[in-house]
N, C-alpha and C. Protein backbone atom coordinates (compact mmCIF):
# COMPACT_ATOMS: atom_id res chain seq x y z
N UNK A 1 -66.20 233.84 -131.95
CA UNK A 1 -66.16 232.95 -133.46
C UNK A 1 -64.77 233.43 -133.99
N UNK A 2 -64.39 232.07 -135.49
CA UNK A 2 -62.82 232.67 -135.96
C UNK A 2 -63.33 233.25 -136.97
N UNK A 3 -62.12 233.40 -137.89
CA UNK A 3 -62.06 233.90 -139.19
C UNK A 3 -62.51 233.19 -139.88
N UNK A 4 -62.80 231.86 -139.97
CA UNK A 4 -63.04 230.79 -140.94
C UNK A 4 -64.60 231.37 -141.57
N UNK A 5 -65.01 232.60 -140.54
CA UNK A 5 -66.94 232.39 -140.63
C UNK A 5 -67.21 234.19 -141.29
N UNK A 6 -66.05 234.42 -141.80
CA UNK A 6 -66.17 235.87 -142.50
C UNK A 6 -67.04 235.84 -143.87
N UNK A 7 -67.70 236.64 -143.09
CA UNK A 7 -68.42 237.14 -144.65
C UNK A 7 -69.66 236.29 -144.68
N UNK A 8 -69.80 235.62 -143.72
CA UNK A 8 -71.26 234.61 -144.02
C UNK A 8 -72.02 235.81 -143.37
N UNK A 9 -73.33 234.94 -143.42
CA UNK A 9 -74.33 235.94 -142.77
C UNK A 9 -75.08 236.04 -141.50
N UNK A 10 -74.82 237.12 -140.33
CA UNK A 10 -74.06 236.75 -139.34
C UNK A 10 -75.48 235.69 -138.54
N UNK A 11 -76.67 235.65 -139.20
CA UNK A 11 -77.90 234.77 -139.17
C UNK A 11 -77.72 233.21 -139.19
N UNK A 12 -77.02 233.18 -140.52
CA UNK A 12 -77.18 232.18 -140.27
C UNK A 12 -75.77 231.93 -139.59
N UNK A 13 -75.03 232.46 -139.71
CA UNK A 13 -73.65 231.17 -138.31
C UNK A 13 -74.64 231.73 -137.28
N UNK A 14 -75.69 232.84 -136.53
CA UNK A 14 -76.01 231.69 -135.37
C UNK A 14 -76.77 230.72 -135.11
N UNK A 15 -77.98 231.00 -137.13
CA UNK A 15 -78.43 230.06 -136.94
C UNK A 15 -77.53 228.05 -136.21
N UNK A 16 -76.46 228.54 -137.24
CA UNK A 16 -75.38 227.36 -137.39
C UNK A 16 -75.55 226.23 -135.79
N UNK A 17 -74.33 227.64 -135.72
CA UNK A 17 -74.03 227.33 -133.63
C UNK A 17 -75.46 226.80 -132.87
N UNK A 18 -76.12 227.20 -133.48
CA UNK A 18 -77.22 227.25 -131.98
C UNK A 18 -77.60 225.44 -132.11
N UNK A 19 -78.08 225.79 -133.40
CA UNK A 19 -77.95 223.50 -133.81
C UNK A 19 -77.60 222.64 -133.67
N UNK A 20 -75.83 223.13 -133.20
CA UNK A 20 -75.08 223.10 -133.16
C UNK A 20 -74.36 222.50 -131.73
N UNK A 21 -75.29 223.36 -131.53
CA UNK A 21 -75.03 223.88 -129.23
C UNK A 21 -76.39 222.15 -128.65
N UNK A 22 -77.18 222.96 -129.66
CA UNK A 22 -78.37 222.58 -128.96
C UNK A 22 -78.59 220.77 -130.24
N UNK A 23 -77.75 220.03 -130.58
CA UNK A 23 -76.87 219.16 -130.64
C UNK A 23 -76.54 217.54 -129.42
N UNK A 24 -75.53 219.31 -129.54
CA UNK A 24 -74.61 219.19 -127.79
C UNK A 24 -75.34 218.17 -126.70
N UNK A 25 -75.96 219.17 -126.50
CA UNK A 25 -77.07 219.53 -125.46
C UNK A 25 -78.13 218.03 -125.19
N UNK A 26 -77.94 217.07 -126.76
CA UNK A 26 -78.47 216.10 -126.83
C UNK A 26 -77.63 214.92 -126.46
N UNK A 27 -76.00 214.92 -125.99
CA UNK A 27 -75.46 213.87 -125.38
C UNK A 27 -75.55 214.10 -123.93
N UNK A 28 -75.22 215.37 -123.15
CA UNK A 28 -74.64 215.68 -121.88
C UNK A 28 -75.37 217.33 -122.44
N UNK A 29 -76.19 217.31 -120.83
CA UNK A 29 -77.55 218.59 -121.02
C UNK A 29 -76.55 220.03 -120.59
N UNK A 30 -75.63 220.19 -119.36
CA UNK A 30 -74.19 220.85 -118.80
C UNK A 30 -73.30 221.56 -119.80
N UNK A 31 -72.61 220.44 -120.45
CA UNK A 31 -71.31 220.39 -121.15
C UNK A 31 -71.57 222.17 -122.10
N UNK A 32 -72.59 221.79 -122.46
CA UNK A 32 -72.49 223.07 -123.49
C UNK A 32 -72.76 224.45 -123.05
N UNK A 33 -73.73 224.01 -122.22
CA UNK A 33 -73.67 225.55 -121.66
C UNK A 33 -72.13 226.19 -121.25
N UNK A 34 -71.82 225.25 -120.39
CA UNK A 34 -70.07 225.81 -119.58
C UNK A 34 -69.26 226.52 -120.91
N UNK A 35 -69.26 225.54 -121.82
CA UNK A 35 -68.29 226.02 -122.84
C UNK A 35 -68.98 227.69 -123.65
N UNK A 36 -70.29 227.06 -123.10
CA UNK A 36 -70.88 228.89 -124.63
C UNK A 36 -70.42 229.95 -123.30
N UNK A 37 -70.90 229.74 -121.85
CA UNK A 37 -70.26 230.60 -120.75
C UNK A 37 -69.07 230.62 -120.78
N UNK A 38 -68.12 230.27 -121.24
CA UNK A 38 -67.08 230.01 -120.58
C UNK A 38 -67.08 231.38 -122.50
N UNK A 39 -67.32 230.83 -123.37
CA UNK A 39 -66.66 232.18 -124.52
C UNK A 39 -67.36 233.08 -124.44
N UNK A 40 -68.58 233.24 -123.97
CA UNK A 40 -69.56 234.52 -124.07
C UNK A 40 -68.74 235.13 -122.55
N UNK A 41 -68.29 234.39 -121.61
CA UNK A 41 -67.70 235.35 -120.52
C UNK A 41 -65.55 236.11 -121.43
N UNK A 42 -64.98 235.18 -122.47
CA UNK A 42 -63.43 235.95 -122.13
C UNK A 42 -64.19 236.67 -123.61
N UNK A 43 -65.59 237.07 -124.33
CA UNK A 43 -65.46 237.21 -125.39
C UNK A 43 -65.67 237.29 -127.15
N UNK A 44 -65.64 236.23 -126.70
CA UNK A 44 -65.51 234.66 -128.05
C UNK A 44 -66.92 234.00 -129.43
N UNK A 45 -68.19 235.12 -128.31
CA UNK A 45 -68.94 234.59 -129.20
C UNK A 45 -70.27 235.64 -128.61
N UNK A 46 -71.85 236.49 -129.43
CA UNK A 46 -72.12 237.13 -129.12
C UNK A 46 -73.69 236.75 -129.16
N UNK A 47 -73.78 237.02 -128.32
CA UNK A 47 -74.88 236.59 -128.00
C UNK A 47 -75.96 237.52 -128.34
N UNK A 48 -77.82 236.52 -128.31
CA UNK A 48 -79.15 237.85 -128.37
C UNK A 48 -79.51 238.65 -127.46
N UNK A 49 -79.80 239.41 -127.15
CA UNK A 49 -80.03 240.06 -125.98
C UNK A 49 -81.13 239.75 -125.05
N UNK A 50 -80.84 239.06 -124.19
CA UNK A 50 -81.59 239.06 -122.91
C UNK A 50 -80.55 237.63 -122.50
N UNK A 51 -79.69 237.45 -123.37
CA UNK A 51 -78.78 235.58 -122.64
C UNK A 51 -77.60 236.26 -122.35
N UNK A 52 -76.65 237.74 -122.38
CA UNK A 52 -76.09 237.96 -121.52
C UNK A 52 -75.51 237.43 -120.23
N UNK A 53 -76.76 237.28 -119.14
CA UNK A 53 -76.45 236.46 -117.74
C UNK A 53 -75.28 234.61 -118.18
N UNK A 54 -75.40 234.56 -119.98
CA UNK A 54 -74.65 232.84 -119.38
C UNK A 54 -73.37 233.37 -119.78
N UNK A 55 -72.80 234.54 -119.91
CA UNK A 55 -71.07 235.00 -120.27
C UNK A 55 -71.31 235.64 -118.02
N UNK A 56 -71.30 235.16 -116.80
CA UNK A 56 -71.70 235.89 -115.77
C UNK A 56 -70.64 235.08 -115.35
N UNK A 57 -69.90 235.76 -114.02
CA UNK A 57 -69.22 234.43 -113.05
C UNK A 57 -70.59 233.93 -113.00
N UNK A 58 -71.53 234.03 -112.02
CA UNK A 58 -72.27 233.37 -111.33
C UNK A 58 -72.27 231.96 -112.93
N UNK A 59 -73.15 231.88 -114.10
CA UNK A 59 -73.52 231.17 -114.49
C UNK A 59 -72.21 230.30 -115.50
N UNK A 60 -71.32 230.69 -114.91
CA UNK A 60 -70.03 230.02 -115.05
C UNK A 60 -69.87 229.45 -113.97
N UNK A 61 -69.65 229.77 -112.95
CA UNK A 61 -69.54 228.76 -112.02
C UNK A 61 -70.51 227.59 -111.49
N UNK A 62 -72.05 227.94 -111.81
CA UNK A 62 -73.08 227.55 -111.30
C UNK A 62 -73.01 225.74 -112.77
N UNK A 63 -72.53 225.83 -114.45
CA UNK A 63 -72.34 225.25 -114.91
C UNK A 63 -71.21 224.41 -114.71
N UNK A 64 -70.41 224.89 -114.67
CA UNK A 64 -68.85 224.54 -114.28
C UNK A 64 -69.49 223.18 -113.13
N UNK A 65 -70.00 223.65 -112.01
CA UNK A 65 -70.75 222.56 -110.74
C UNK A 65 -71.32 221.30 -111.96
N UNK A 66 -72.48 222.00 -112.22
CA UNK A 66 -73.59 220.84 -113.26
C UNK A 66 -73.20 220.65 -113.38
N UNK A 67 -72.10 220.80 -114.74
CA UNK A 67 -71.05 219.76 -116.14
C UNK A 67 -70.36 218.60 -114.79
N UNK A 68 -69.79 218.92 -114.11
CA UNK A 68 -68.88 218.40 -113.26
C UNK A 68 -69.98 217.27 -112.49
N UNK A 69 -71.21 217.47 -112.42
CA UNK A 69 -71.78 215.93 -111.48
C UNK A 69 -73.04 216.00 -112.02
N UNK A 70 -72.98 216.37 -113.29
CA UNK A 70 -73.92 214.97 -114.54
C UNK A 70 -73.25 214.11 -115.42
N UNK A 71 -71.52 214.84 -115.88
CA UNK A 71 -70.53 213.54 -116.21
C UNK A 71 -70.75 211.89 -115.11
N UNK A 72 -70.23 213.39 -113.73
CA UNK A 72 -69.97 211.53 -112.83
C UNK A 72 -71.69 210.88 -112.32
N UNK A 73 -72.32 211.57 -112.56
CA UNK A 73 -73.60 210.35 -112.59
C UNK A 73 -73.93 209.81 -113.51
N UNK A 74 -72.96 209.80 -114.88
CA UNK A 74 -74.12 209.07 -115.86
C UNK A 74 -72.94 207.29 -115.50
N UNK A 75 -71.57 207.90 -114.65
CA UNK A 75 -70.86 206.43 -114.26
C UNK A 75 -71.00 205.85 -113.21
N UNK A 76 -73.15 206.07 -113.01
CA UNK A 76 -73.16 205.12 -112.07
C UNK A 76 -74.19 204.20 -112.87
N UNK A 77 -73.88 203.02 -112.32
CA UNK A 77 -75.36 201.90 -112.57
C UNK A 77 -76.59 202.21 -112.30
N UNK A 78 -77.80 202.00 -113.41
CA UNK A 78 -78.53 201.96 -113.59
C UNK A 78 -79.22 203.63 -113.28
N UNK A 79 -78.46 204.21 -112.28
CA UNK A 79 -78.61 205.61 -112.04
C UNK A 79 -78.64 206.45 -112.87
N UNK A 80 -78.24 205.57 -113.95
CA UNK A 80 -78.15 206.53 -115.39
C UNK A 80 -79.19 206.67 -116.35
N UNK A 81 -80.03 205.62 -116.96
CA UNK A 81 -81.44 204.82 -117.19
C UNK A 81 -82.04 206.56 -116.30
N UNK A 82 -82.07 206.55 -114.66
CA UNK A 82 -82.79 207.45 -114.13
C UNK A 82 -82.94 209.18 -114.67
N UNK A 83 -81.68 209.66 -114.80
CA UNK A 83 -80.87 210.49 -115.46
C UNK A 83 -81.45 211.09 -117.02
N UNK A 84 -81.39 209.32 -117.15
CA UNK A 84 -82.26 209.46 -118.72
C UNK A 84 -83.61 210.41 -118.69
N UNK A 85 -83.79 209.66 -118.01
CA UNK A 85 -85.90 209.77 -117.59
C UNK A 85 -86.14 211.32 -117.03
N UNK A 86 -84.86 212.69 -116.38
CA UNK A 86 -85.04 213.30 -115.94
C UNK A 86 -84.41 214.11 -117.03
N UNK A 87 -83.78 213.76 -117.58
CA UNK A 87 -82.63 214.78 -118.44
C UNK A 87 -83.37 215.18 -119.78
N UNK A 88 -84.43 214.50 -120.55
CA UNK A 88 -85.14 214.32 -121.35
C UNK A 88 -85.97 216.06 -121.59
N UNK A 89 -86.59 215.90 -120.73
CA UNK A 89 -87.71 217.64 -120.76
C UNK A 89 -86.37 218.23 -120.81
N UNK A 90 -85.35 218.34 -119.56
CA UNK A 90 -83.82 219.08 -119.92
C UNK A 90 -83.70 219.38 -120.77
N UNK A 91 -83.73 218.43 -121.93
CA UNK A 91 -82.15 219.00 -123.08
C UNK A 91 -83.35 219.06 -123.46
N UNK A 92 -84.47 219.23 -124.03
CA UNK A 92 -85.62 219.85 -124.55
C UNK A 92 -85.43 221.34 -124.23
N UNK A 93 -85.48 221.55 -123.39
CA UNK A 93 -85.71 223.26 -122.74
C UNK A 93 -83.74 224.13 -122.86
N UNK A 94 -83.59 223.12 -122.50
CA UNK A 94 -81.69 223.64 -122.53
C UNK A 94 -81.22 223.54 -124.19
N UNK A 95 -81.91 222.81 -125.49
CA UNK A 95 -81.42 223.03 -126.44
C UNK A 95 -82.46 224.57 -127.56
N UNK A 96 -83.96 223.70 -126.75
CA UNK A 96 -84.10 225.67 -127.36
C UNK A 96 -83.83 227.33 -126.63
N UNK A 97 -83.05 226.93 -125.10
CA UNK A 97 -82.66 228.09 -125.08
C UNK A 97 -81.26 228.64 -125.42
N UNK A 98 -80.12 227.65 -126.13
CA UNK A 98 -79.12 227.63 -126.64
C UNK A 98 -79.17 228.35 -127.74
N UNK A 99 -80.40 227.47 -128.70
CA UNK A 99 -80.61 228.21 -129.89
C UNK A 99 -81.23 229.11 -130.17
N UNK A 100 -81.72 229.04 -129.24
CA UNK A 100 -82.51 231.03 -129.04
C UNK A 100 -81.34 232.63 -128.84
N UNK A 101 -80.54 231.86 -128.38
CA UNK A 101 -79.59 232.91 -127.13
C UNK A 101 -78.30 233.24 -128.71
N UNK A 102 -78.89 232.23 -129.60
CA UNK A 102 -77.76 232.74 -131.07
C UNK A 102 -78.14 233.36 -132.10
N UNK A 103 -79.51 233.16 -132.38
CA UNK A 103 -80.54 233.51 -132.43
C UNK A 103 -80.29 235.32 -133.04
N UNK A 104 -78.97 236.19 -132.77
CA UNK A 104 -79.17 237.42 -133.04
C UNK A 104 -79.93 238.32 -134.25
N UNK A 105 -80.62 239.22 -134.20
CA UNK A 105 -81.46 240.03 -134.83
C UNK A 105 -82.28 239.34 -135.37
N UNK A 106 -83.51 238.95 -134.23
CA UNK A 106 -84.13 237.89 -135.32
C UNK A 106 -84.93 238.31 -133.86
N UNK A 107 -86.50 238.89 -135.02
CA UNK A 107 -88.18 239.48 -133.31
C UNK A 107 -88.12 237.94 -133.20
N UNK A 108 -88.35 238.22 -132.23
CA UNK A 108 -88.40 237.34 -130.36
C UNK A 108 -89.59 236.14 -130.59
N UNK A 109 -90.85 236.80 -131.49
CA UNK A 109 -91.39 234.77 -131.93
C UNK A 109 -90.61 234.85 -132.75
N UNK A 110 -90.48 235.29 -133.91
CA UNK A 110 -89.41 234.31 -134.14
C UNK A 110 -88.21 233.08 -134.67
N UNK A 111 -88.20 234.06 -133.86
CA UNK A 111 -86.26 233.78 -132.37
C UNK A 111 -87.04 232.37 -131.54
N UNK A 112 -87.97 232.62 -130.96
CA UNK A 112 -88.10 231.97 -130.32
C UNK A 112 -89.15 230.25 -130.67
N UNK A 113 -89.67 230.89 -131.84
CA UNK A 113 -90.71 229.86 -132.44
C UNK A 113 -89.62 228.70 -133.18
N UNK A 114 -88.54 229.42 -133.70
CA UNK A 114 -87.12 228.73 -134.26
C UNK A 114 -85.74 227.77 -133.85
N UNK A 115 -85.91 227.70 -132.49
CA UNK A 115 -85.38 227.80 -131.28
C UNK A 115 -86.24 226.69 -130.41
N UNK A 116 -87.88 226.26 -130.81
CA UNK A 116 -87.82 224.79 -129.69
C UNK A 116 -88.05 224.80 -131.09
N UNK A 117 -88.59 224.18 -132.20
CA UNK A 117 -88.60 223.65 -133.11
C UNK A 117 -87.07 222.80 -133.72
N UNK A 118 -86.05 224.08 -134.15
CA UNK A 118 -85.47 223.67 -133.83
C UNK A 118 -84.04 223.18 -133.12
N UNK A 119 -84.18 223.38 -132.39
CA UNK A 119 -83.49 223.75 -131.21
C UNK A 119 -83.43 222.60 -130.07
N UNK A 120 -84.69 223.03 -129.45
CA UNK A 120 -85.46 221.87 -128.23
C UNK A 120 -85.70 220.40 -129.40
N UNK A 121 -85.62 220.24 -130.84
CA UNK A 121 -85.94 219.23 -131.76
C UNK A 121 -85.27 218.71 -131.65
N UNK A 122 -84.15 218.90 -131.55
CA UNK A 122 -83.04 218.04 -132.56
C UNK A 122 -82.00 217.88 -131.17
N UNK A 123 -82.46 218.57 -129.99
CA UNK A 123 -81.98 217.99 -128.60
C UNK A 123 -82.82 216.78 -128.24
N UNK A 124 -83.69 216.74 -128.51
CA UNK A 124 -84.64 216.36 -127.42
C UNK A 124 -84.76 214.57 -128.63
N UNK A 125 -84.35 215.26 -129.68
CA UNK A 125 -83.82 213.54 -130.24
C UNK A 125 -83.14 212.50 -130.48
N UNK A 126 -82.00 213.72 -130.08
CA UNK A 126 -80.60 212.69 -130.04
C UNK A 126 -80.71 211.87 -128.79
N UNK A 127 -81.28 212.57 -127.88
CA UNK A 127 -81.02 212.73 -126.40
C UNK A 127 -81.88 211.10 -126.33
N UNK A 128 -83.70 210.94 -127.31
CA UNK A 128 -83.95 209.75 -127.26
C UNK A 128 -83.42 208.90 -127.67
N UNK A 129 -82.04 208.90 -128.93
CA UNK A 129 -81.81 208.60 -129.66
C UNK A 129 -80.18 208.15 -128.95
N UNK A 130 -79.45 208.22 -127.95
CA UNK A 130 -78.21 207.95 -127.08
C UNK A 130 -79.20 207.96 -125.82
N UNK A 131 -80.86 207.89 -125.30
CA UNK A 131 -81.20 207.07 -124.82
C UNK A 131 -81.67 205.88 -124.92
N UNK A 132 -82.18 204.89 -125.81
CA UNK A 132 -82.23 203.52 -126.60
C UNK A 132 -80.91 202.99 -126.78
N UNK A 133 -80.08 203.53 -127.31
CA UNK A 133 -78.21 202.63 -127.50
C UNK A 133 -77.66 202.56 -126.09
N UNK A 134 -78.58 203.79 -125.13
CA UNK A 134 -78.18 203.44 -123.13
C UNK A 134 -79.47 201.53 -122.80
N UNK A 135 -80.24 201.56 -123.14
CA UNK A 135 -80.88 201.12 -123.00
C UNK A 135 -80.48 199.28 -123.58
N UNK A 136 -80.28 199.15 -124.67
CA UNK A 136 -79.34 198.57 -125.54
C UNK A 136 -78.67 197.83 -125.33
N UNK A 137 -77.85 198.25 -124.44
CA UNK A 137 -75.99 197.86 -123.53
C UNK A 137 -76.13 197.49 -122.43
N UNK A 138 -77.50 198.39 -121.96
CA UNK A 138 -77.48 197.51 -120.40
C UNK A 138 -77.41 195.88 -120.97
N UNK A 139 -78.94 196.24 -121.35
CA UNK A 139 -79.88 194.89 -122.00
C UNK A 139 -78.28 193.80 -122.88
N UNK A 140 -77.67 194.09 -123.08
CA UNK A 140 -76.80 192.36 -123.38
C UNK A 140 -74.97 193.33 -123.04
N UNK A 141 -75.17 194.22 -121.76
CA UNK A 141 -73.58 194.19 -121.56
C UNK A 141 -74.48 193.81 -119.37
N UNK A 142 -75.46 194.27 -119.85
CA UNK A 142 -75.68 194.19 -118.01
C UNK A 142 -75.12 195.42 -117.34
N UNK A 143 -74.80 196.47 -117.84
CA UNK A 143 -74.77 198.17 -117.30
C UNK A 143 -73.25 197.90 -117.50
N UNK A 144 -72.43 196.61 -117.67
CA UNK A 144 -70.93 197.14 -117.54
C UNK A 144 -70.28 198.22 -118.66
N UNK A 145 -70.61 197.98 -119.40
CA UNK A 145 -70.75 198.80 -120.68
C UNK A 145 -70.87 199.66 -121.11
N UNK A 146 -71.64 200.23 -120.17
CA UNK A 146 -73.00 201.55 -119.78
C UNK A 146 -72.07 202.68 -118.94
N UNK A 147 -70.58 202.55 -118.92
CA UNK A 147 -69.27 203.20 -118.37
C UNK A 147 -68.28 204.28 -119.82
N UNK A 148 -68.67 202.59 -120.43
CA UNK A 148 -67.56 202.68 -121.45
C UNK A 148 -69.01 204.11 -122.43
N UNK A 149 -70.23 203.63 -122.91
CA UNK A 149 -70.83 204.65 -123.34
C UNK A 149 -71.19 205.92 -122.56
N UNK A 150 -71.35 206.45 -121.67
CA UNK A 150 -71.21 207.25 -120.62
C UNK A 150 -69.52 208.06 -122.25
N UNK A 151 -68.82 207.71 -121.53
CA UNK A 151 -67.93 208.34 -122.05
C UNK A 151 -67.35 208.96 -123.36
N UNK A 152 -68.02 207.19 -124.23
CA UNK A 152 -68.46 208.81 -125.79
C UNK A 152 -69.28 209.69 -125.01
N UNK A 153 -70.22 209.91 -124.97
CA UNK A 153 -71.25 210.60 -124.95
C UNK A 153 -70.45 211.91 -123.90
N UNK A 154 -69.64 212.01 -123.72
CA UNK A 154 -69.53 213.75 -122.85
C UNK A 154 -68.44 214.38 -123.73
N UNK A 155 -67.70 212.94 -123.88
CA UNK A 155 -66.42 213.54 -125.01
C UNK A 155 -67.22 213.87 -127.02
N UNK A 156 -68.91 213.82 -127.02
CA UNK A 156 -69.17 213.62 -128.14
C UNK A 156 -69.89 215.05 -127.61
N UNK A 157 -70.26 215.66 -126.78
CA UNK A 157 -71.07 216.39 -126.46
C UNK A 157 -69.81 217.89 -126.45
N UNK A 158 -68.94 217.15 -125.38
CA UNK A 158 -67.76 218.74 -125.83
C UNK A 158 -66.75 218.87 -126.71
N UNK A 159 -66.63 217.54 -128.44
CA UNK A 159 -66.38 217.67 -129.40
C UNK A 159 -67.29 219.31 -130.17
N UNK A 160 -68.38 218.29 -130.21
CA UNK A 160 -70.14 219.30 -130.61
C UNK A 160 -69.82 220.47 -130.57
N UNK A 161 -70.12 220.45 -129.47
CA UNK A 161 -69.78 222.03 -128.73
C UNK A 161 -68.26 222.73 -129.20
N UNK A 162 -67.63 222.82 -128.83
CA UNK A 162 -66.39 223.31 -129.53
C UNK A 162 -66.93 223.18 -130.96
N UNK A 163 -66.78 222.39 -131.44
CA UNK A 163 -66.69 222.67 -132.77
C UNK A 163 -67.98 223.49 -133.06
N UNK A 164 -69.08 223.56 -132.27
CA UNK A 164 -69.84 224.86 -132.71
C UNK A 164 -69.63 225.91 -132.48
N UNK A 165 -68.95 226.03 -132.45
CA UNK A 165 -68.21 228.05 -131.37
C UNK A 165 -67.56 228.54 -132.61
N UNK A 166 -66.35 227.53 -133.20
CA UNK A 166 -65.51 226.73 -133.85
C UNK A 166 -65.45 227.40 -135.42
N UNK A 167 -66.71 225.89 -135.45
CA UNK A 167 -66.67 225.90 -137.65
C UNK A 167 -68.09 225.89 -137.57
N UNK A 168 -68.64 226.58 -136.49
CA UNK A 168 -70.63 226.52 -137.52
C UNK A 168 -71.10 225.38 -137.83
N UNK A 169 -70.70 226.20 -138.98
CA UNK A 169 -71.44 225.20 -141.05
C UNK A 169 -70.93 223.73 -140.68
N UNK A 170 -69.70 223.86 -140.70
CA UNK A 170 -68.95 221.97 -140.27
C UNK A 170 -69.80 221.85 -139.08
N UNK A 171 -70.26 222.50 -138.40
CA UNK A 171 -71.00 221.86 -137.21
C UNK A 171 -72.77 221.18 -137.55
N UNK A 172 -73.16 222.15 -137.77
CA UNK A 172 -73.94 222.07 -138.74
C UNK A 172 -74.59 221.43 -139.82
N UNK A 173 -74.14 220.74 -141.03
CA UNK A 173 -73.25 219.66 -141.49
C UNK A 173 -73.68 218.55 -140.53
N UNK A 174 -72.45 218.57 -140.07
CA UNK A 174 -72.64 217.21 -138.96
C UNK A 174 -73.55 216.55 -138.49
N UNK A 175 -74.36 218.03 -137.98
CA UNK A 175 -75.75 217.66 -136.96
C UNK A 175 -76.88 217.32 -138.02
N UNK A 176 -76.73 217.88 -139.05
CA UNK A 176 -77.90 217.11 -140.21
C UNK A 176 -77.54 215.67 -140.74
N UNK A 177 -76.50 215.30 -140.73
CA UNK A 177 -76.20 214.09 -140.75
C UNK A 177 -76.92 212.89 -140.25
N UNK A 178 -76.28 213.08 -138.68
CA UNK A 178 -76.75 212.59 -137.12
C UNK A 178 -78.23 212.39 -137.08
N UNK A 179 -78.88 214.06 -137.50
CA UNK A 179 -79.96 213.86 -137.54
C UNK A 179 -81.01 212.42 -138.50
N UNK A 180 -80.42 212.62 -139.83
CA UNK A 180 -80.69 211.62 -140.99
C UNK A 180 -80.93 209.97 -140.38
N UNK A 181 -78.89 209.87 -139.73
CA UNK A 181 -79.09 208.34 -138.81
C UNK A 181 -79.79 208.69 -137.91
N UNK A 182 -81.02 209.15 -137.17
CA UNK A 182 -81.04 208.43 -136.07
C UNK A 182 -82.47 208.44 -136.77
N UNK A 183 -83.24 209.18 -137.31
CA UNK A 183 -84.54 208.99 -138.16
C UNK A 183 -84.36 208.06 -138.83
N UNK A 184 -83.16 207.54 -139.62
CA UNK A 184 -83.47 205.80 -140.45
C UNK A 184 -83.16 204.77 -139.12
N UNK A 185 -82.24 205.07 -138.45
CA UNK A 185 -82.33 204.00 -137.55
C UNK A 185 -83.77 203.67 -136.47
N UNK A 186 -84.63 205.17 -136.26
CA UNK A 186 -85.82 204.66 -135.58
C UNK A 186 -86.76 204.49 -136.56
N UNK A 187 -86.84 204.33 -137.79
CA UNK A 187 -87.55 203.72 -138.78
C UNK A 187 -87.15 202.35 -138.03
N UNK A 188 -86.17 201.88 -139.05
CA UNK A 188 -85.32 200.79 -138.85
C UNK A 188 -86.89 199.79 -137.70
N UNK A 189 -86.09 200.41 -136.29
CA UNK A 189 -86.64 199.92 -135.60
C UNK A 189 -88.13 199.69 -135.09
N UNK A 190 -89.01 200.60 -135.78
CA UNK A 190 -90.05 200.79 -136.62
C UNK A 190 -90.26 200.60 -137.31
N UNK A 191 -90.04 199.37 -138.15
CA UNK A 191 -89.86 198.19 -139.54
C UNK A 191 -90.12 197.53 -138.42
N UNK A 192 -89.38 197.28 -138.25
CA UNK A 192 -89.26 195.59 -137.48
C UNK A 192 -90.34 195.25 -136.15
N UNK A 193 -91.21 196.40 -135.49
CA UNK A 193 -91.69 195.63 -134.57
C UNK A 193 -92.77 195.62 -135.20
N UNK A 194 -92.40 195.85 -136.40
CA UNK A 194 -94.24 196.14 -136.69
C UNK A 194 -94.45 194.66 -137.43
N UNK A 195 -93.35 194.55 -137.71
CA UNK A 195 -92.93 193.07 -138.45
C UNK A 195 -93.88 192.16 -137.29
N UNK A 196 -92.62 192.24 -136.24
CA UNK A 196 -93.32 191.07 -135.04
C UNK A 196 -94.52 191.69 -134.75
N UNK A 197 -95.02 192.40 -134.43
CA UNK A 197 -96.44 192.26 -134.30
C UNK A 197 -97.26 191.89 -134.78
N UNK A 198 -96.42 191.43 -136.69
CA UNK A 198 -97.63 191.63 -137.71
C UNK A 198 -97.52 189.29 -137.39
N UNK A 199 -96.18 189.22 -136.74
CA UNK A 199 -96.23 187.75 -136.74
C UNK A 199 -96.82 187.09 -135.63
N UNK A 200 -97.00 188.29 -134.33
CA UNK A 200 -97.41 187.98 -133.44
C UNK A 200 -99.31 187.38 -133.57
């Protein structure tokens, strides 16, 4: 953590960090794990008890390999949609784990409750939104625009992870904005769909 966070309650910083990482998982599952592993391995971030394994040598190597494979897989046409289906539940689980790992000095039952609702919920919501946008890209470009979209997702996951690690409170505000935009997008789509049903 940086000195920008000095004076803020550790629990608040941890919650903001966890939410930012969970949002990053919504774009790519393993990039946030890799960056957290690097930060924990170098002593730049302190994790809750029981999550020290995230900063181990073997975790660093495994997350690095997984991140590279995940990034490459999303550049394969139409396979990216299949990967989205698998990554949906994985994103919820990953968001939950990363959120829980940052909630220091919190009772285990409360830590996991917050992690499941906030971390898993945020990761699942944003992953669902990006999956829907990828389907739209496929429908309008025949899949030609998907590699560009994949690059955007990779960059967004990396940037959000780094921002969460360096400036968790800024990341927290950005995540709230993304959640609001996503909910509004879903609401708009639902409204148009109901209108279409009404015409039928």
